[in-house]
């Protein structure tokens, strides 16, 4: 089973992005992004999840492990709808 940190790292490597590049685009420090990848930060804030998924050209659902396939972010209506569904699921808990 692949965790969120591994999915972040895998996508970053597939896109040939450095931790520094992601940190800069997220307006976070390098150590924070590194900790996301290592799984040291277990609860990824929702305000970080969406921008991170966009940077990694995938969906929040894929990063969280709710979907097995990396979806193409070039279909925003599908991605946005799925993200909204997932957020409503989280908000009800």
PDB file of N, CA and C in Angstrom:
ATOM      1  N   UNK A   1       0.837  -1.185   0.000  1.00  0.00           N
ATOM      2  CA  UNK A   1       0.000   0.000   0.000  1.00  0.00           C
ATOM      3  C   UNK A   1       0.882   1.249   0.000  1.00  0.00           C
ATOM      4  N   UNK A   2       0.628   2.126  -0.923  1.00  0.00           N
ATOM      5  CA  UNK A   2       1.413   3.348  -1.060  1.00  0.00           C
ATOM      6  C   UNK A   2       0.742   4.453  -0.245  1.00  0.00           C
ATOM      7  N   UNK A   3       1.549   5.149   0.556  1.00  0.00           N
ATOM      8  CA  UNK A   3       0.993   6.237   1.359  1.00  0.00           C
ATOM      9  C   UNK A   3       1.113   7.572   0.634  1.00  0.00           C
ATOM     10  N   UNK A   4       0.541   8.599   1.236  1.00  0.00           N
ATOM     11  CA  UNK A   4       0.531   9.922   0.595  1.00  0.00           C
ATOM     12  C   UNK A   4       1.948  10.432   0.340  1.00  0.00           C
ATOM     13  N   UNK A   5       2.845  10.224   1.281  1.00  0.00           N
ATOM     14  CA  UNK A   5       4.218  10.684   1.097  1.00  0.00           C
ATOM     15  C   UNK A   5       4.886  10.044  -0.103  1.00  0.00           C
ATOM     16  N   UNK A   6       4.658   8.756  -0.269  1.00  0.00           N
ATOM     17  CA  UNK A   6       5.237   8.043  -1.410  1.00  0.00           C
ATOM     18  C   UNK A   6       4.622   8.524  -2.715  1.00  0.00           C
ATOM     19  N   UNK A   7       3.325   8.791  -2.700  1.00  0.00           N
ATOM     20  CA  UNK A   7       2.665   9.303  -3.912  1.00  0.00           C
ATOM     21  C   UNK A   7       3.211  10.689  -4.276  1.00  0.00           C
ATOM     22  N   UNK A   8       3.425  11.531  -3.279  1.00  0.00           N
ATOM     23  CA  UNK A   8       3.997  12.859  -3.538  1.00  0.00           C
ATOM     24  C   UNK A   8       5.381  12.702  -4.156  1.00  0.00           C
ATOM     25  N   UNK A   9       6.199  11.879  -3.535  1.00  0.00           N
ATOM     26  CA  UNK A   9       7.561  11.682  -4.027  1.00  0.00           C
ATOM     27  C   UNK A   9       7.571  11.083  -5.433  1.00  0.00           C
ATOM     28  N   UNK A  10       6.730  10.092  -5.661  1.00  0.00           N
ATOM     29  CA  UNK A  10       6.681   9.461  -6.984  1.00  0.00           C
ATOM     30  C   UNK A  10       6.289  10.464  -8.064  1.00  0.00           C
ATOM     31  N   UNK A  11       5.244  11.253  -7.815  1.00  0.00           N
ATOM     32  CA  UNK A  11       4.806  12.242  -8.803  1.00  0.00           C
ATOM     33  C   UNK A  11       5.879  13.302  -9.022  1.00  0.00           C
ATOM     34  N   UNK A  12       6.500  13.746  -7.940  1.00  0.00           N
ATOM     35  CA  UNK A  12       7.552  14.757  -8.057  1.00  0.00           C
ATOM     36  C   UNK A  12       8.672  14.247  -8.954  1.00  0.00           C
ATOM     37  N   UNK A  13       9.059  13.027  -8.741  1.00  0.00           N
ATOM     38  CA  UNK A  13      10.138  12.443  -9.550  1.00  0.00           C
ATOM     39  C   UNK A  13       9.707  12.228 -10.998  1.00  0.00           C
ATOM     40  N   UNK A  14       8.462  11.792 -11.212  1.00  0.00           N
ATOM     41  CA  UNK A  14       7.961  11.613 -12.577  1.00  0.00           C
ATOM     42  C   UNK A  14       7.998  12.920 -13.360  1.00  0.00           C
ATOM     43  N   UNK A  15       7.758  14.019 -12.650  1.00  0.00           N
ATOM     44  CA  UNK A  15       7.733  15.332 -13.297  1.00  0.00           C
ATOM     45  C   UNK A  15       9.088  16.033 -13.249  1.00  0.00           C
ATOM     46  N   UNK A  16      10.086  15.364 -12.706  1.00  0.00           N
ATOM     47  CA  UNK A  16      11.436  15.925 -12.575  1.00  0.00           C
ATOM     48  C   UNK A  16      11.440  17.253 -11.822  1.00  0.00           C
ATOM     49  N   UNK A  17      10.695  17.294 -10.744  1.00  0.00           N
ATOM     50  CA  UNK A  17      10.656  18.487  -9.892  1.00  0.00           C
ATOM     51  C   UNK A  17      11.494  18.239  -8.648  1.00  0.00           C
ATOM     52  N   UNK A  18      12.155  19.275  -8.196  1.00  0.00           N
ATOM     53  CA  UNK A  18      12.915  19.165  -6.954  1.00  0.00           C
ATOM     54  C   UNK A  18      12.024  19.529  -5.769  1.00  0.00           C
ATOM     55  N   UNK A  19      12.451  19.119  -4.604  1.00  0.00           N
ATOM     56  CA  UNK A  19      11.738  19.510  -3.387  1.00  0.00           C
ATOM     57  C   UNK A  19      11.732  21.027  -3.269  1.00  0.00           C
ATOM     58  N   UNK A  20      12.833  21.659  -3.645  1.00  0.00           N
ATOM     59  CA  UNK A  20      12.933  23.120  -3.576  1.00  0.00           C
ATOM     60  C   UNK A  20      11.902  23.793  -4.471  1.00  0.00           C
ATOM     61  N   UNK A  21      11.705  23.253  -5.678  1.00  0.00           N
ATOM     62  CA  UNK A  21      10.724  23.828  -6.597  1.00  0.00           C
ATOM     63  C   UNK A  21       9.310  23.739  -6.020  1.00  0.00           C
ATOM     64  N   UNK A  22       8.988  22.590  -5.471  1.00  0.00           N
ATOM     65  CA  UNK A  22       7.665  22.423  -4.888  1.00  0.00           C
ATOM     66  C   UNK A  22       7.491  23.331  -3.688  1.00  0.00           C
ATOM     67  N   UNK A  23       8.493  23.402  -2.844  1.00  0.00           N
ATOM     68  CA  UNK A  23       8.422  24.266  -1.657  1.00  0.00           C
ATOM     69  C   UNK A  23       8.199  25.721  -2.059  1.00  0.00           C
ATOM     70  N   UNK A  24       8.916  26.168  -3.059  1.00  0.00           N
ATOM     71  CA  UNK A  24       8.772  27.553  -3.516  1.00  0.00           C
ATOM     72  C   UNK A  24       7.362  27.813  -4.039  1.00  0.00           C
ATOM     73  N   UNK A  25       6.841  26.887  -4.831  1.00  0.00           N
ATOM     74  CA  UNK A  25       5.505  27.068  -5.405  1.00  0.00           C
ATOM     75  C   UNK A  25       4.401  26.977  -4.351  1.00  0.00           C
ATOM     76  N   UNK A  26       4.657  26.214  -3.282  1.00  0.00           N
ATOM     77  CA  UNK A  26       3.683  26.117  -2.189  1.00  0.00           C
ATOM     78  C   UNK A  26       3.848  27.210  -1.146  1.00  0.00           C
ATOM     79  N   UNK A  27       4.932  27.963  -1.269  1.00  0.00           N
ATOM     80  CA  UNK A  27       5.283  28.975  -0.280  1.00  0.00           C
ATOM     81  C   UNK A  27       5.520  28.328   1.094  1.00  0.00           C
ATOM     82  N   UNK A  28       6.212  27.200   1.052  1.00  0.00           N
ATOM     83  CA  UNK A  28       6.605  26.461   2.250  1.00  0.00           C
ATOM     84  C   UNK A  28       8.119  26.321   2.235  1.00  0.00           C
ATOM     85  N   UNK A  29       8.678  25.922   3.360  1.00  0.00           N
ATOM     86  CA  UNK A  29      10.115  25.682   3.326  1.00  0.00           C
ATOM     87  C   UNK A  29      10.398  24.252   2.881  1.00  0.00           C
ATOM     88  N   UNK A  30      11.615  24.038   2.455  1.00  0.00           N
ATOM     89  CA  UNK A  30      12.042  22.755   1.902  1.00  0.00           C
ATOM     90  C   UNK A  30      11.822  21.626   2.894  1.00  0.00           C
ATOM     91  N   UNK A  31      12.089  21.876   4.153  1.00  0.00           N
ATOM     92  CA  UNK A  31      11.950  20.859   5.186  1.00  0.00           C
ATOM     93  C   UNK A  31      10.508  20.378   5.310  1.00  0.00           C
ATOM     94  N   UNK A  32       9.560  21.286   5.180  1.00  0.00           N
ATOM     95  CA  UNK A  32       8.150  20.914   5.277  1.00  0.00           C
ATOM     96  C   UNK A  32       7.773  19.955   4.164  1.00  0.00           C
ATOM     97  N   UNK A  33       8.178  20.255   2.944  1.00  0.00           N
ATOM     98  CA  UNK A  33       7.864  19.377   1.811  1.00  0.00           C
ATOM     99  C   UNK A  33       8.555  18.026   1.996  1.00  0.00           C
ATOM    100  N   UNK A  34       9.776  18.047   2.457  1.00  0.00           N
ATOM    101  CA  UNK A  34      10.505  16.814   2.725  1.00  0.00           C
ATOM    102  C   UNK A  34       9.748  15.982   3.765  1.00  0.00           C
ATOM    103  N   UNK A  35       9.219  16.622   4.779  1.00  0.00           N
ATOM    104  CA  UNK A  35       8.459  15.921   5.817  1.00  0.00           C
ATOM    105  C   UNK A  35       7.143  15.361   5.274  1.00  0.00           C
ATOM    106  N   UNK A  36       6.523  16.062   4.324  1.00  0.00           N
ATOM    107  CA  UNK A  36       5.329  15.507   3.668  1.00  0.00           C
ATOM    108  C   UNK A  36       5.691  14.186   2.989  1.00  0.00           C
ATOM    109  N   UNK A  37       6.795  14.190   2.260  1.00  0.00           N
ATOM    110  CA  UNK A  37       7.215  12.993   1.536  1.00  0.00           C
ATOM    111  C   UNK A  37       7.585  11.848   2.473  1.00  0.00           C
ATOM    112  N   UNK A  38       8.205  12.149   3.566  1.00  0.00           N
ATOM    113  CA  UNK A  38       8.614  11.103   4.512  1.00  0.00           C
ATOM    114  C   UNK A  38       7.459  10.598   5.362  1.00  0.00           C
ATOM    115  N   UNK A  39       6.357  11.324   5.345  1.00  0.00           N
ATOM    116  CA  UNK A  39       5.215  10.920   6.157  1.00  0.00           C
ATOM    117  C   UNK A  39       5.296  11.423   7.584  1.00  0.00           C
ATOM    118  N   UNK A  40       6.250  12.330   7.854  1.00  0.00           N
ATOM    119  CA  UNK A  40       6.402  12.889   9.198  1.00  0.00           C
ATOM    120  C   UNK A  40       5.230  13.795   9.564  1.00  0.00           C
ATOM    121  N   UNK A  41       4.596  14.367   8.563  1.00  0.00           N
ATOM    122  CA  UNK A  41       3.406  15.190   8.776  1.00  0.00           C
ATOM    123  C   UNK A  41       2.235  14.361   8.268  1.00  0.00           C
ATOM    124  N   UNK A  42       1.528  13.759   9.194  1.00  0.00           N
ATOM    125  CA  UNK A  42       0.466  12.828   8.826  1.00  0.00           C
ATOM    126  C   UNK A  42      -0.785  13.476   8.285  1.00  0.00           C
ATOM    127  N   UNK A  43      -1.130  14.632   8.792  1.00  0.00           N
ATOM    128  CA  UNK A  43      -2.348  15.318   8.357  1.00  0.00           C
ATOM    129  C   UNK A  43      -1.978  16.494   7.465  1.00  0.00           C
ATOM    130  N   UNK A  44      -2.027  16.262   6.187  1.00  0.00           N
ATOM    131  CA  UNK A  44      -1.724  17.307   5.216  1.00  0.00           C
ATOM    132  C   UNK A  44      -2.873  18.307   5.214  1.00  0.00           C
ATOM    133  N   UNK A  45      -2.612  19.581   5.518  1.00  0.00           N
ATOM    134  CA  UNK A  45      -3.697  20.572   5.557  1.00  0.00           C
ATOM    135  C   UNK A  45      -4.416  20.679   4.210  1.00  0.00           C
ATOM    136  N   UNK A  46      -5.731  20.818   4.263  1.00  0.00           N
ATOM    137  CA  UNK A  46      -6.518  20.915   3.025  1.00  0.00           C
ATOM    138  C   UNK A  46      -6.102  22.107   2.181  1.00  0.00           C
ATOM    139  N   UNK A  47      -5.699  23.207   2.830  1.00  0.00           N
ATOM    140  CA  UNK A  47      -5.292  24.379   2.050  1.00  0.00           C
ATOM    141  C   UNK A  47      -3.960  24.146   1.338  1.00  0.00           C
ATOM    142  N   UNK A  48      -3.276  23.072   1.668  1.00  0.00           N
ATOM    143  CA  UNK A  48      -2.038  22.698   0.989  1.00  0.00           C
ATOM    144  C   UNK A  48      -2.273  21.585  -0.024  1.00  0.00           C
ATOM    145  N   UNK A  49      -3.224  20.729   0.261  1.00  0.00           N
ATOM    146  CA  UNK A  49      -3.473  19.553  -0.579  1.00  0.00           C
ATOM    147  C   UNK A  49      -3.821  19.913  -2.021  1.00  0.00           C
ATOM    148  N   UNK A  50      -4.741  20.827  -2.212  1.00  0.00           N
ATOM    149  CA  UNK A  50      -5.173  21.200  -3.569  1.00  0.00           C
ATOM    150  C   UNK A  50      -4.028  21.814  -4.391  1.00  0.00           C
ATOM    151  N   UNK A  51      -3.327  22.830  -3.854  1.00  0.00           N
ATOM    152  CA  UNK A  51      -2.213  23.389  -4.636  1.00  0.00           C
ATOM    153  C   UNK A  51      -1.106  22.362  -4.903  1.00  0.00           C
ATOM    154  N   UNK A  52      -0.853  21.497  -3.942  1.00  0.00           N
ATOM    155  CA  UNK A  52       0.164  20.465  -4.145  1.00  0.00           C
ATOM    156  C   UNK A  52      -0.243  19.524  -5.270  1.00  0.00           C
ATOM    157  N   UNK A  53      -1.497  19.123  -5.287  1.00  0.00           N
ATOM    158  CA  UNK A  53      -1.988  18.259  -6.364  1.00  0.00           C
ATOM    159  C   UNK A  53      -1.856  18.951  -7.718  1.00  0.00           C
ATOM    160  N   UNK A  54      -2.152  20.231  -7.769  1.00  0.00           N
ATOM    161  CA  UNK A  54      -2.018  20.974  -9.030  1.00  0.00           C
ATOM    162  C   UNK A  54      -0.565  21.013  -9.491  1.00  0.00           C
ATOM    163  N   UNK A  55       0.339  21.274  -8.576  1.00  0.00           N
ATOM    164  CA  UNK A  55       1.767  21.301  -8.910  1.00  0.00           C
ATOM    165  C   UNK A  55       2.212  19.947  -9.445  1.00  0.00           C
ATOM    166  N   UNK A  56       1.690  18.881  -8.835  1.00  0.00           N
ATOM    167  CA  UNK A  56       2.071  17.532  -9.225  1.00  0.00           C
ATOM    168  C   UNK A  56       1.215  16.980 -10.361  1.00  0.00           C
ATOM    169  N   UNK A  57       0.354  17.832 -10.912  1.00  0.00           N
ATOM    170  CA  UNK A  57      -0.482  17.495 -12.060  1.00  0.00           C
ATOM    171  C   UNK A  57      -1.301  16.229 -11.818  1.00  0.00           C
ATOM    172  N   UNK A  58      -1.940  16.213 -10.672  1.00  0.00           N
ATOM    173  CA  UNK A  58      -2.799  15.096 -10.304  1.00  0.00           C
ATOM    174  C   UNK A  58      -3.973  15.632  -9.498  1.00  0.00           C
ATOM    175  N   UNK A  59      -4.659  14.761  -8.812  1.00  0.00           N
ATOM    176  CA  UNK A  59      -5.803  15.179  -8.005  1.00  0.00           C
ATOM    177  C   UNK A  59      -5.513  14.968  -6.527  1.00  0.00           C
ATOM    178  N   UNK A  60      -6.193  15.716  -5.670  1.00  0.00           N
ATOM    179  CA  UNK A  60      -6.068  15.469  -4.237  1.00  0.00           C
ATOM    180  C   UNK A  60      -6.460  14.029  -3.877  1.00  0.00           C
ATOM    181  N   UNK A  61      -7.461  13.502  -4.561  1.00  0.00           N
ATOM    182  CA  UNK A  61      -7.917  12.133  -4.283  1.00  0.00           C
ATOM    183  C   UNK A  61      -6.812  11.112  -4.558  1.00  0.00           C
ATOM    184  N   UNK A  62      -6.049  11.328  -5.611  1.00  0.00           N
ATOM    185  CA  UNK A  62      -4.939  10.416  -5.896  1.00  0.00           C
ATOM    186  C   UNK A  62      -3.882  10.511  -4.798  1.00  0.00           C
ATOM    187  N   UNK A  63      -3.517  11.714  -4.431  1.00  0.00           N
ATOM    188  CA  UNK A  63      -2.495  11.881  -3.396  1.00  0.00           C
ATOM    189  C   UNK A  63      -2.915  11.246  -2.075  1.00  0.00           C
ATOM    190  N   UNK A  64      -4.193  11.366  -1.747  1.00  0.00           N
ATOM    191  CA  UNK A  64      -4.689  10.826  -0.485  1.00  0.00           C
ATOM    192  C   UNK A  64      -4.864   9.304  -0.538  1.00  0.00           C
ATOM    193  N   UNK A  65      -4.764   8.726  -1.715  1.00  0.00           N
ATOM    194  CA  UNK A  65      -4.917   7.285  -1.838  1.00  0.00           C
ATOM    195  C   UNK A  65      -6.344   6.840  -2.053  1.00  0.00           C
ATOM    196  N   UNK A  66      -7.243   7.778  -2.324  1.00  0.00           N
ATOM    197  CA  UNK A  66      -8.653   7.460  -2.557  1.00  0.00           C
ATOM    198  C   UNK A  66      -8.888   7.005  -3.992  1.00  0.00           C
ATOM    199  N   UNK A  67      -7.961   7.296  -4.862  1.00  0.00           N
ATOM    200  CA  UNK A  67      -8.015   6.844  -6.252  1.00  0.00           C
ATOM    201  C   UNK A  67      -6.658   6.242  -6.582  1.00  0.00           C
ATOM    202  N   UNK A  68      -6.665   5.197  -7.379  1.00  0.00           N
ATOM    203  CA  UNK A  68      -5.416   4.522  -7.725  1.00  0.00           C
ATOM    204  C   UNK A  68      -4.725   5.114  -8.933  1.00  0.00           C
ATOM    205  N   UNK A  69      -5.459   5.827  -9.752  1.00  0.00           N
ATOM    206  CA  UNK A  69      -4.920   6.336 -11.003  1.00  0.00           C
ATOM    207  C   UNK A  69      -4.653   7.836 -10.898  1.00  0.00           C
ATOM    208  N   UNK A  70      -3.528   8.258 -11.455  1.00  0.00           N
ATOM    209  CA  UNK A  70      -3.240   9.676 -11.542  1.00  0.00           C
ATOM    210  C   UNK A  70      -4.100  10.242 -12.644  1.00  0.00           C
ATOM    211  N   UNK A  71      -5.021  11.126 -12.294  1.00  0.00           N
ATOM    212  CA  UNK A  71      -5.897  11.738 -13.296  1.00  0.00           C
ATOM    213  C   UNK A  71      -5.251  12.965 -13.884  1.00  0.00           C
ATOM    214  N   UNK A  72      -5.557  13.217 -15.110  1.00  0.00           N
ATOM    215  CA  UNK A  72      -5.039  14.373 -15.822  1.00  0.00           C
ATOM    216  C   UNK A  72      -5.744  15.626 -15.326  1.00  0.00           C
ATOM    217  N   UNK A  73      -4.993  16.569 -14.812  1.00  0.00           N
ATOM    218  CA  UNK A  73      -5.578  17.808 -14.303  1.00  0.00           C
ATOM    219  C   UNK A  73      -6.058  18.718 -15.432  1.00  0.00           C
ATOM    220  N   UNK A  74      -5.908  18.304 -16.677  1.00  0.00           N
ATOM    221  CA  UNK A  74      -6.413  19.098 -17.788  1.00  0.00           C
ATOM    222  C   UNK A  74      -7.914  18.946 -17.960  1.00  0.00           C
ATOM    223  N   UNK A  75      -8.553  18.203 -17.086  1.00  0.00           N
ATOM    224  CA  UNK A  75     -10.009  18.075 -17.099  1.00  0.00           C
ATOM    225  C   UNK A  75     -10.539  18.628 -15.779  1.00  0.00           C
ATOM    226  N   UNK A  76     -10.494  19.955 -15.599  1.00  0.00           N
ATOM    227  CA  UNK A  76     -10.821  20.552 -14.303  1.00  0.00           C
ATOM    228  C   UNK A  76     -12.241  20.307 -13.830  1.00  0.00           C
ATOM    229  N   UNK A  77     -13.196  20.176 -14.752  1.00  0.00           N
ATOM    230  CA  UNK A  77     -14.573  19.952 -14.312  1.00  0.00           C
ATOM    231  C   UNK A  77     -14.709  18.603 -13.607  1.00  0.00           C
ATOM    232  N   UNK A  78     -14.006  17.596 -14.077  1.00  0.00           N
ATOM    233  CA  UNK A  78     -14.038  16.294 -13.424  1.00  0.00           C
ATOM    234  C   UNK A  78     -13.278  16.351 -12.115  1.00  0.00           C
ATOM    235  N   UNK A  79     -12.102  16.920 -12.132  1.00  0.00           N
ATOM    236  CA  UNK A  79     -11.278  17.000 -10.932  1.00  0.00           C
ATOM    237  C   UNK A  79     -11.956  17.830  -9.853  1.00  0.00           C
ATOM    238  N   UNK A  80     -12.516  18.962 -10.234  1.00  0.00           N
ATOM    239  CA  UNK A  80     -13.174  19.830  -9.261  1.00  0.00           C
ATOM    240  C   UNK A  80     -14.392  19.138  -8.662  1.00  0.00           C
ATOM    241  N   UNK A  81     -15.163  18.453  -9.494  1.00  0.00           N
ATOM    242  CA  UNK A  81     -16.340  17.747  -8.991  1.00  0.00           C
ATOM    243  C   UNK A  81     -15.929  16.671  -7.995  1.00  0.00           C
ATOM    244  N   UNK A  82     -14.921  15.893  -8.330  1.00  0.00           N
ATOM    245  CA  UNK A  82     -14.452  14.825  -7.444  1.00  0.00           C
ATOM    246  C   UNK A  82     -13.899  15.405  -6.152  1.00  0.00           C
ATOM    247  N   UNK A  83     -13.155  16.487  -6.246  1.00  0.00           N
ATOM    248  CA  UNK A  83     -12.595  17.134  -5.061  1.00  0.00           C
ATOM    249  C   UNK A  83     -13.716  17.622  -4.154  1.00  0.00           C
ATOM    250  N   UNK A  84     -14.746  18.225  -4.732  1.00  0.00           N
ATOM    251  CA  UNK A  84     -15.889  18.707  -3.952  1.00  0.00           C
ATOM    252  C   UNK A  84     -16.595  17.548  -3.252  1.00  0.00           C
ATOM    253  N   UNK A  85     -16.761  16.437  -3.953  1.00  0.00           N
ATOM    254  CA  UNK A  85     -17.376  15.260  -3.345  1.00  0.00           C
ATOM    255  C   UNK A  85     -16.558  14.768  -2.154  1.00  0.00           C
ATOM    256  N   UNK A  86     -15.254  14.724  -2.331  1.00  0.00           N
ATOM    257  CA  UNK A  86     -14.393  14.244  -1.255  1.00  0.00           C
ATOM    258  C   UNK A  86     -14.393  15.187  -0.063  1.00  0.00           C
ATOM    259  N   UNK A  87     -14.412  16.491  -0.339  1.00  0.00           N
ATOM    260  CA  UNK A  87     -14.466  17.459   0.755  1.00  0.00           C
ATOM    261  C   UNK A  87     -15.764  17.330   1.539  1.00  0.00           C
ATOM    262  N   UNK A  88     -16.874  17.109   0.854  1.00  0.00           N
ATOM    263  CA  UNK A  88     -18.140  16.968   1.554  1.00  0.00           C
ATOM    264  C   UNK A  88     -18.120  15.707   2.425  1.00  0.00           C
ATOM    265  N   UNK A  89     -17.436  14.668   1.971  1.00  0.00           N
ATOM    266  CA  UNK A  89     -17.290  13.455   2.760  1.00  0.00           C
ATOM    267  C   UNK A  89     -16.484  13.734   4.024  1.00  0.00           C
ATOM    268  N   UNK A  90     -15.384  14.478   3.895  1.00  0.00           N
ATOM    269  CA  UNK A  90     -14.539  14.808   5.034  1.00  0.00           C
ATOM    270  C   UNK A  90     -15.285  15.694   6.016  1.00  0.00           C
ATOM    271  N   UNK A  91     -16.028  16.669   5.522  1.00  0.00           N
ATOM    272  CA  UNK A  91     -16.731  17.613   6.382  1.00  0.00           C
ATOM    273  C   UNK A  91     -17.824  16.971   7.203  1.00  0.00           C
ATOM    274  N   UNK A  92     -18.312  15.807   6.793  1.00  0.00           N
ATOM    275  CA  UNK A  92     -19.404  15.171   7.514  1.00  0.00           C
ATOM    276  C   UNK A  92     -18.930  14.334   8.686  1.00  0.00           C
ATOM    277  N   UNK A  93     -17.635  14.118   8.782  1.00  0.00           N
ATOM    278  CA  UNK A  93     -17.115  13.282   9.874  1.00  0.00           C
ATOM    279  C   UNK A  93     -17.004  14.070  11.160  1.00  0.00           C
TER     280      UNK A  93
END
